[in-house]
C-alpha atoms as a PDB file:
ATOM      1  CA  MET A   1     -14.853  32.334   1.179  1.00  0.00           C
ATOM      2  CA  PRO A   2     -11.162  31.534   0.941  1.00  0.00           C
ATOM      3  CA  PRO A   3      -9.490  32.084  -2.576  1.00  0.00           C
ATOM      4  CA  PRO A   4      -7.847  29.267  -4.542  1.00  0.00           C
ATOM      5  CA  PRO A   5      -4.300  28.351  -3.241  1.00  0.00           C
ATOM      6  CA  LYS A   6      -1.357  30.010  -5.077  1.00  0.00           C
ATOM      7  CA  ASN A   7       1.205  27.113  -4.153  1.00  0.00           C
ATOM      8  CA  LEU A   8      -0.039  23.861  -5.248  1.00  0.00           C
ATOM      9  CA  ASP A   9       3.153  22.397  -3.888  1.00  0.00           C
ATOM     10  CA  GLU A  10       2.355  23.365  -0.309  1.00  0.00           C
ATOM     11  CA  LEU A  11      -1.461  22.395  -0.890  1.00  0.00           C
ATOM     12  CA  ALA A  12      -0.529  18.971  -2.052  1.00  0.00           C
ATOM     13  CA  ARG A  13       1.957  18.598   1.156  1.00  0.00           C
ATOM     14  CA  SER A  14      -0.622  19.604   3.281  1.00  0.00           C
ATOM     15  CA  LEU A  15      -3.126  17.324   1.921  1.00  0.00           C
ATOM     16  CA  LEU A  16      -0.800  14.171   2.475  1.00  0.00           C
ATOM     17  CA  ALA A  17       0.554  15.035   5.618  1.00  0.00           C
ATOM     18  CA  ASN A  18      -2.346  16.083   7.515  1.00  0.00           C
ATOM     19  CA  GLY A  19      -5.288  14.856   4.930  1.00  0.00           C
ATOM     20  CA  PRO A  20      -8.120  16.886   3.907  1.00  0.00           C
ATOM     21  CA  VAL A  21     -11.137  17.872   6.348  1.00  0.00           C
ATOM     22  CA  LYS A  22     -13.264  15.045   4.897  1.00  0.00           C
ATOM     23  CA  THR A  23     -14.104  13.564   1.586  1.00  0.00           C
ATOM     24  CA  LEU A  24     -17.585  11.927  -0.057  1.00  0.00           C
ATOM     25  CA  PRO A  25     -18.305   9.823  -3.280  1.00  0.00           C
ATOM     26  CA  ALA A  26     -20.081  12.028  -5.448  1.00  0.00           C
ATOM     27  CA  ALA A  27     -21.447   8.698  -7.075  1.00  0.00           C
ATOM     28  CA  PRO A  28     -23.511   8.341  -8.922  1.00  0.00           C
ATOM     29  CA  LYS A  29     -23.507  11.659 -10.074  1.00  0.00           C
ATOM     30  CA  ARG A  30     -21.696  12.302 -13.552  1.00  0.00           C
ATOM     31  CA  VAL A  31     -19.172  14.746 -13.509  1.00  0.00           C
ATOM     32  CA  ARG A  32     -17.574  16.437 -16.851  1.00  0.00           C
ATOM     33  CA  VAL A  33     -14.821  18.762 -17.135  1.00  0.00           C
ATOM     34  CA  ARG A  34     -14.030  20.911 -20.380  1.00  0.00           C
ATOM     35  CA  LEU A  35     -10.998  23.051 -21.447  1.00  0.00           C
ATOM     36  CA  GLY A  36     -10.312  24.088 -24.892  1.00  0.00           C
ATOM     37  CA  GLY A  37     -13.773  23.392 -26.135  1.00  0.00           C
ATOM     38  CA  THR A  38     -13.350  19.513 -25.494  1.00  0.00           C
ATOM     39  CA  TYR A  39     -14.634  17.300 -22.664  1.00  0.00           C
ATOM     40  CA  VAL A  40     -11.398  16.159 -21.239  1.00  0.00           C
ATOM     41  CA  ALA A  41     -13.025  14.205 -18.144  1.00  0.00           C
ATOM     42  CA  ASP A  42     -15.972  12.166 -17.829  1.00  0.00           C
ATOM     43  CA  THR A  43     -16.761  10.313 -14.441  1.00  0.00           C
ATOM     44  CA  THR A  44     -19.194   8.642 -12.361  1.00  0.00           C
ATOM     45  CA  ARG A  45     -16.768   8.279  -9.604  1.00  0.00           C
ATOM     46  CA  ALA A  46     -15.807  11.951  -8.510  1.00  0.00           C
ATOM     47  CA  VAL A  47     -15.078  12.853  -5.175  1.00  0.00           C
ATOM     48  CA  TYR A  48     -15.696  15.335  -2.920  1.00  0.00           C
ATOM     49  CA  VAL A  49     -12.624  16.829  -0.926  1.00  0.00           C
ATOM     50  CA  TRP A  50     -13.113  19.391   1.598  1.00  0.00           C
ATOM     51  CA  GLU A  51      -9.632  21.449   1.375  1.00  0.00           C
ATOM     52  CA  HIS A  52     -11.039  23.381   4.208  1.00  0.00           C
ATOM     53  CA  ALA A  53     -14.036  23.813   6.261  1.00  0.00           C
ATOM     54  CA  TYR A  54     -15.800  26.133   4.237  1.00  0.00           C
ATOM     55  CA  TYR A  55     -17.056  24.391   0.624  1.00  0.00           C
ATOM     56  CA  PRO A  56     -15.996  21.232  -1.365  1.00  0.00           C
ATOM     57  CA  THR A  57     -14.441  20.662  -4.591  1.00  0.00           C
ATOM     58  CA  TYR A  58     -14.088  17.736  -7.234  1.00  0.00           C
ATOM     59  CA  TYR A  59     -11.329  15.599  -7.372  1.00  0.00           C
ATOM     60  CA  VAL A  60     -11.469  13.380 -10.638  1.00  0.00           C
ATOM     61  CA  PRO A  61      -9.952   9.586 -10.877  1.00  0.00           C
ATOM     62  CA  ARG A  62      -7.070  10.166 -13.255  1.00  0.00           C
ATOM     63  CA  GLU A  63      -8.193   7.205 -15.802  1.00  0.00           C
ATOM     64  CA  SER A  64     -11.574   9.521 -16.010  1.00  0.00           C
ATOM     65  CA  PHE A  65      -9.164  11.742 -18.376  1.00  0.00           C
ATOM     66  CA  ALA A  66      -9.361  11.335 -21.882  1.00  0.00           C
ATOM     67  CA  GLU A  67      -6.004   9.937 -23.816  1.00  0.00           C
ATOM     68  CA  GLY A  68      -3.666  12.288 -24.108  1.00  0.00           C
ATOM     69  CA  VAL A  69      -4.711  15.265 -22.435  1.00  0.00           C
ATOM     70  CA  LEU A  70      -3.075  14.889 -19.082  1.00  0.00           C
ATOM     71  CA  SER A  71       0.700  15.095 -19.103  1.00  0.00           C
ATOM     72  CA  ASP A  72       2.433  12.061 -17.439  1.00  0.00           C
ATOM     73  CA  PRO A  73       3.489  12.765 -13.722  1.00  0.00           C
ATOM     74  CA  ASP A  74       6.393  11.017 -14.188  1.00  0.00           C
ATOM     75  CA  SER A  75       7.495  12.839 -17.439  1.00  0.00           C
ATOM     76  CA  PRO A  76      10.007  15.738 -17.258  1.00  0.00           C
ATOM     77  CA  ALA A  77       7.389  18.183 -18.092  1.00  0.00           C
ATOM     78  CA  SER A  78       5.886  17.659 -14.703  1.00  0.00           C
ATOM     79  CA  SER A  79       6.916  18.684 -11.263  1.00  0.00           C
ATOM     80  CA  SER A  80       9.130  15.881  -9.155  1.00  0.00           C
ATOM     81  CA  ALA A  81       8.837  17.931  -6.094  1.00  0.00           C
ATOM     82  CA  GLY A  82       6.876  15.636  -4.367  1.00  0.00           C
ATOM     83  CA  ASP A  83       6.983  11.500  -3.573  1.00  0.00           C
ATOM     84  CA  GLY A  84       3.028  11.229  -2.883  1.00  0.00           C
ATOM     85  CA  TYR A  85       2.011  13.588  -5.882  1.00  0.00           C
ATOM     86  CA  ARG A  86       3.303  15.380  -9.119  1.00  0.00           C
ATOM     87  CA  LEU A  87       2.025  18.129 -10.894  1.00  0.00           C
ATOM     88  CA  ALA A  88       0.729  18.085 -14.345  1.00  0.00           C
ATOM     89  CA  ILE A  89      -0.570  19.989 -17.248  1.00  0.00           C
ATOM     90  CA  LEU A  90      -3.967  19.541 -18.658  1.00  0.00           C
ATOM     91  CA  SER A  91      -4.445  20.663 -22.598  1.00  0.00           C
ATOM     92  CA  ALA A  92      -7.042  20.201 -24.997  1.00  0.00           C
ATOM     93  CA  GLY A  93      -8.223  22.179 -28.083  1.00  0.00           C
ATOM     94  CA  GLY A  94      -5.376  24.623 -27.788  1.00  0.00           C
ATOM     95  CA  ALA A  95      -5.555  25.550 -24.124  1.00  0.00           C
ATOM     96  CA  SER A  96      -3.748  24.271 -21.322  1.00  0.00           C
ATOM     97  CA  THR A  97      -3.109  24.793 -17.178  1.00  0.00           C
ATOM     98  CA  ASP A  98      -0.731  23.870 -15.027  1.00  0.00           C
ATOM     99  CA  ARG A  99      -2.939  24.195 -12.240  1.00  0.00           C
ATOM    100  CA  VAL A 100      -3.336  20.107 -11.794  1.00  0.00           C
ATOM    101  CA  ILE A 101      -2.015  17.843  -8.928  1.00  0.00           C
ATOM    102  CA  VAL A 102      -2.039  13.830  -9.312  1.00  0.00           C
ATOM    103  CA  PHE A 103      -2.141  11.994  -5.986  1.00  0.00           C
ATOM    104  CA  ARG A 104       0.116   9.084  -5.983  1.00  0.00           C
ATOM    105  CA  ALA A 105      -0.328   8.406  -1.641  1.00  0.00           C
ATOM    106  CA  GLY A 106      -2.412   8.738   0.786  1.00  0.00           C
ATOM    107  CA  VAL A 107      -6.416   8.840   0.992  1.00  0.00           C
ATOM    108  CA  LEU A 108      -6.227  10.762  -2.364  1.00  0.00           C
ATOM    109  CA  LYS A 109      -4.089   8.319  -4.209  1.00  0.00           C
ATOM    110  CA  ASP A 110      -4.749   8.156  -7.871  1.00  0.00           C
ATOM    111  CA  LEU A 111      -7.143  11.160  -7.851  1.00  0.00           C
ATOM    112  CA  VAL A 112      -6.464  14.354  -9.803  1.00  0.00           C
ATOM    113  CA  ARG A 113      -7.129  17.833  -8.441  1.00  0.00           C
ATOM    114  CA  VAL A 114      -7.966  20.495 -11.553  1.00  0.00           C
ATOM    115  CA  GLU A 115      -8.239  24.180 -10.148  1.00  0.00           C
ATOM    116  CA  PHE A 116     -12.173  24.946 -10.716  1.00  0.00           C
ATOM    117  CA  SER A 117     -11.563  27.969 -12.471  1.00  0.00           C
ATOM    118  CA  ALA A 118      -8.687  27.279 -14.414  1.00  0.00           C
ATOM    119  CA  VAL A 119     -10.767  25.424 -17.012  1.00  0.00           C
ATOM    120  CA  ASP A 120     -13.731  26.526 -19.287  1.00  0.00           C
ATOM    121  CA  ALA A 121     -16.483  24.672 -17.298  1.00  0.00           C
ATOM    122  CA  TRP A 122     -17.857  21.807 -15.004  1.00  0.00           C
ATOM    123  CA  PHE A 123     -20.981  20.125 -15.378  1.00  0.00           C
ATOM    124  CA  GLU A 124     -22.892  17.939 -13.194  1.00  0.00           C
ATOM    125  CA  GLU A 125     -24.896  15.415 -15.645  1.00  0.00           C
ATOM    126  CA  ASP A 126     -25.960  18.295 -18.056  1.00  0.00           C
ATOM    127  CA  ALA A 127     -26.375  21.305 -15.791  1.00  0.00           C
ATOM    128  CA  ARG A 128     -23.340  23.560 -15.738  1.00  0.00           C
ATOM    129  CA  ILE A 129     -22.029  24.058 -12.092  1.00  0.00           C
ATOM    130  CA  ASP A 130     -19.591  27.595 -11.261  1.00  0.00           C
ATOM    131  CA  ILE A 131     -17.456  28.710  -8.539  1.00  0.00           C
ATOM    132  CA  HIS A 132     -17.195  25.451  -6.879  1.00  0.00           C
ATOM    133  CA  PRO A 133     -19.642  22.669  -6.454  1.00  0.00           C
ATOM    134  CA  LYS A 134     -22.505  22.661  -3.964  1.00  0.00           C
ATOM    135  CA  ASP A 135     -22.051  21.209  -0.504  1.00  0.00           C
ATOM    136  CA  PRO A 136     -24.335  18.479  -0.084  1.00  0.00           C
ATOM    137  CA  PHE A 137     -24.548  19.144   3.738  1.00  0.00           C
ATOM    138  CA  LYS A 138     -25.468  22.574   2.946  1.00  0.00           C
ATOM    139  CA  ARG A 139     -29.241  23.902   1.453  1.00  0.00           C
ATOM    140  CA  VAL A 140     -30.706  27.279   0.567  1.00  0.00           C
ATOM    141  CA  ASP A 141     -34.723  27.332   1.159  1.00  0.00           C
ATOM    142  CA  VAL A 142     -36.229  30.638   0.016  1.00  0.00           C
ATOM    143  CA  VAL A 143     -39.389  31.245   1.541  1.00  0.00           C
ATOM    144  CA  PHE A 144     -41.834  34.326   1.353  1.00  0.00           C
ATOM    145  CA  SER A 145     -42.794  35.993   4.282  1.00  0.00           C
ATOM    146  CA  SER A 146     -45.773  38.388   4.567  1.00  0.00           C
ATOM    147  CA  ARG A 147     -44.045  39.843   7.509  1.00  0.00           C
ATOM    148  CA  PRO A 148     -43.127  43.527   7.516  1.00  0.00           C
ATOM    149  CA  VAL A 149     -39.810  44.489   6.962  1.00  0.00           C
ATOM    150  CA  ARG A 150     -38.081  47.711   7.748  1.00  0.00           C
ATOM    151  CA  ILE A 151     -34.611  48.605   7.421  1.00  0.00           C
ATOM    152  CA  LEU A 152     -32.481  51.270   9.442  1.00  0.00           C
ATOM    153  CA  VAL A 153     -28.779  52.585   9.192  1.00  0.00           C
ATOM    154  CA  ARG A 154     -27.704  54.565  11.810  1.00  0.00           C
ATOM    155  CA  GLY A 155     -31.125  55.630  12.588  1.00  0.00           C
ATOM    156  CA  THR A 156     -32.151  56.321   8.974  1.00  0.00           C
ATOM    157  CA  GLU A 157     -34.764  54.116   7.164  1.00  0.00           C
ATOM    158  CA  VAL A 158     -33.121  53.057   4.356  1.00  0.00           C
ATOM    159  CA  ALA A 159     -36.032  50.459   3.111  1.00  0.00           C
ATOM    160  CA  ARG A 160     -39.616  49.336   3.933  1.00  0.00           C
ATOM    161  CA  ALA A 161     -41.470  46.468   2.779  1.00  0.00           C
ATOM    162  CA  PRO A 162     -44.961  44.920   3.905  1.00  0.00           C
ATOM    163  CA  SER A 163     -43.527  41.439   2.718  1.00  0.00           C
ATOM    164  CA  CYS A 164     -40.717  39.742   1.220  1.00  0.00           C
ATOM    165  CA  PHE A 165     -38.516  36.905   0.682  1.00  0.00           C
ATOM    166  CA  GLN A 166     -36.240  35.376   3.047  1.00  0.00           C
ATOM    167  CA  LEU A 167     -33.323  33.494   2.215  1.00  0.00           C
ATOM    168  CA  TYR A 168     -32.211  30.458   4.598  1.00  0.00           C
ATOM    169  CA  GLU A 169     -28.604  28.996   4.067  1.00  0.00           C
ATOM    170  CA  THR A 170     -27.330  26.392   6.269  1.00  0.00           C
ATOM    171  CA  GLY A 171     -24.955  28.168   8.779  1.00  0.00           C
ATOM    172  CA  LEU A 172     -25.733  31.666   7.942  1.00  0.00           C
ATOM    173  CA  PRO A 173     -27.729  34.323   9.205  1.00  0.00           C
ATOM    174  CA  VAL A 174     -31.162  34.676   7.451  1.00  0.00           C
ATOM    175  CA  ARG A 175     -31.077  37.080   4.335  1.00  0.00           C
ATOM    176  CA  PHE A 176     -34.268  39.046   3.390  1.00  0.00           C
ATOM    177  CA  TYR A 177     -34.853  40.275  -0.142  1.00  0.00           C
ATOM    178  CA  LEU A 178     -36.983  43.427  -0.813  1.00  0.00           C
ATOM    179  CA  PRO A 179     -38.756  44.721  -4.088  1.00  0.00           C
ATOM    180  CA  VAL A 180     -36.372  47.689  -5.500  1.00  0.00           C
ATOM    181  CA  THR A 181     -39.229  49.955  -5.140  1.00  0.00           C
ATOM    182  CA  SER A 182     -39.560  49.635  -1.429  1.00  0.00           C
ATOM    183  CA  VAL A 183     -35.453  50.999  -1.034  1.00  0.00           C
ATOM    184  CA  ARG A 184     -34.543  54.449  -0.745  1.00  0.00           C
ATOM    185  CA  LEU A 185     -32.557  54.966  -4.072  1.00  0.00           C
ATOM    186  CA  ASP A 186     -31.445  58.163  -3.251  1.00  0.00           C
ATOM    187  CA  LEU A 187     -29.384  57.046  -0.627  1.00  0.00           C
ATOM    188  CA  LEU A 188     -27.702  54.507  -2.715  1.00  0.00           C
ATOM    189  CA  ARG A 189     -24.550  54.378  -4.913  1.00  0.00           C
ATOM    190  CA  GLU A 190     -23.665  51.477  -6.888  1.00  0.00           C
ATOM    191  CA  SER A 191     -20.316  50.200  -6.257  1.00  0.00           C
ATOM    192  CA  ALA A 192     -17.588  48.104  -7.942  1.00  0.00           C
ATOM    193  CA  THR A 193     -17.870  45.017  -6.194  1.00  0.00           C
ATOM    194  CA  VAL A 194     -19.663  41.906  -7.395  1.00  0.00           C
ATOM    195  CA  THR A 195     -19.504  38.333  -5.714  1.00  0.00           C
ATOM    196  CA  ALA A 196     -20.655  35.223  -7.053  1.00  0.00           C
ATOM    197  CA  CYS A 197     -22.421  32.032  -5.341  1.00  0.00           C
ATOM    198  CA  PRO A 198     -23.117  28.463  -6.785  1.00  0.00           C
ATOM    199  CA  TYR A 199     -26.311  28.653  -4.946  1.00  0.00           C
ATOM    200  CA  LYS A 200     -27.382  32.100  -5.575  1.00  0.00           C
ATOM    201  CA  GLY A 201     -25.606  33.332  -8.733  1.00  0.00           C
ATOM    202  CA  GLU A 202     -23.924  36.836  -9.204  1.00  0.00           C
ATOM    203  CA  ALA A 203     -24.580  39.642  -6.847  1.00  0.00           C
ATOM    204  CA  ASN A 204     -24.014  43.406  -7.030  1.00  0.00           C
ATOM    205  CA  TYR A 205     -23.437  45.781  -4.247  1.00  0.00           C
ATOM    206  CA  TYR A 206     -24.591  49.384  -3.122  1.00  0.00           C
ATOM    207  CA  ASP A 207     -23.106  51.607  -0.640  1.00  0.00           C
ATOM    208  CA  VAL A 208     -25.458  53.393   1.349  1.00  0.00           C
ATOM    209  CA  LEU A 209     -24.638  57.121   1.602  1.00  0.00           C
ATOM    210  CA  LEU A 210     -25.626  59.066   5.011  1.00  0.00           C
ATOM    211  CA  GLY A 211     -23.673  62.052   6.062  1.00  0.00           C
ATOM    212  CA  GLY A 212     -20.770  61.420   4.105  1.00  0.00           C
ATOM    213  CA  ALA A 213     -20.422  57.728   5.490  1.00  0.00           C
ATOM    214  CA  GLU A 214     -20.834  54.583   3.353  1.00  0.00           C
ATOM    215  CA  LYS A 215     -22.368  50.981   4.556  1.00  0.00           C
ATOM    216  CA  GLY A 216     -22.634  48.264   1.899  1.00  0.00           C
ATOM    217  CA  MET A 217     -25.804  46.300   0.695  1.00  0.00           C
ATOM    218  CA  SER A 218     -26.208  43.779  -1.545  1.00  0.00           C
ATOM    219  CA  ARG A 219     -28.193  43.134  -4.733  1.00  0.00           C
ATOM    220  CA  GLY A 220     -29.079  39.370  -5.937  1.00  0.00           C
END
């Protein structure tokens, strides 16, 4: 998945000039943003915005922010680099972030983009969400299968199981989850790689060691 953009000015100008890939109202779902231990935004009118084709993020109406937490986009403390947007600062409870765009024109007018990782937490109703919102056009299904699975790496059997769980995610290849007892741990070395997903949570990875060569495997 693509990393968050480093240059907010470039992102804002691109969205104003070309528009997002697509948008979708998230209503009536309640979305809240927490910073510095305080809920700084609370709305049932959040909008899914696809800045790229991979997954959406939430944009929140400016009027949904608590009084005084969002710097005035017209103030000297805020960027004046763009006519259709302003960069702003979100502050509460002794914490603050400048990873904020307030849109003043175009299809995103009066919406605020707060970088997902720049605040303490996001909530859908009372459930915390991590990494990014789940894509409403994608689903993840995990089903049990009694079909046997055998995994070979460069001709060497690394794992064998009489059954497994199969994970189906829209647009991605099927993933197979096997009991750890079915894997040859003597061929594995835990790596430092860790990834996170809003659907599946955090995953650790192993390297498969075969004759000095390495191949990656994941552990969900």
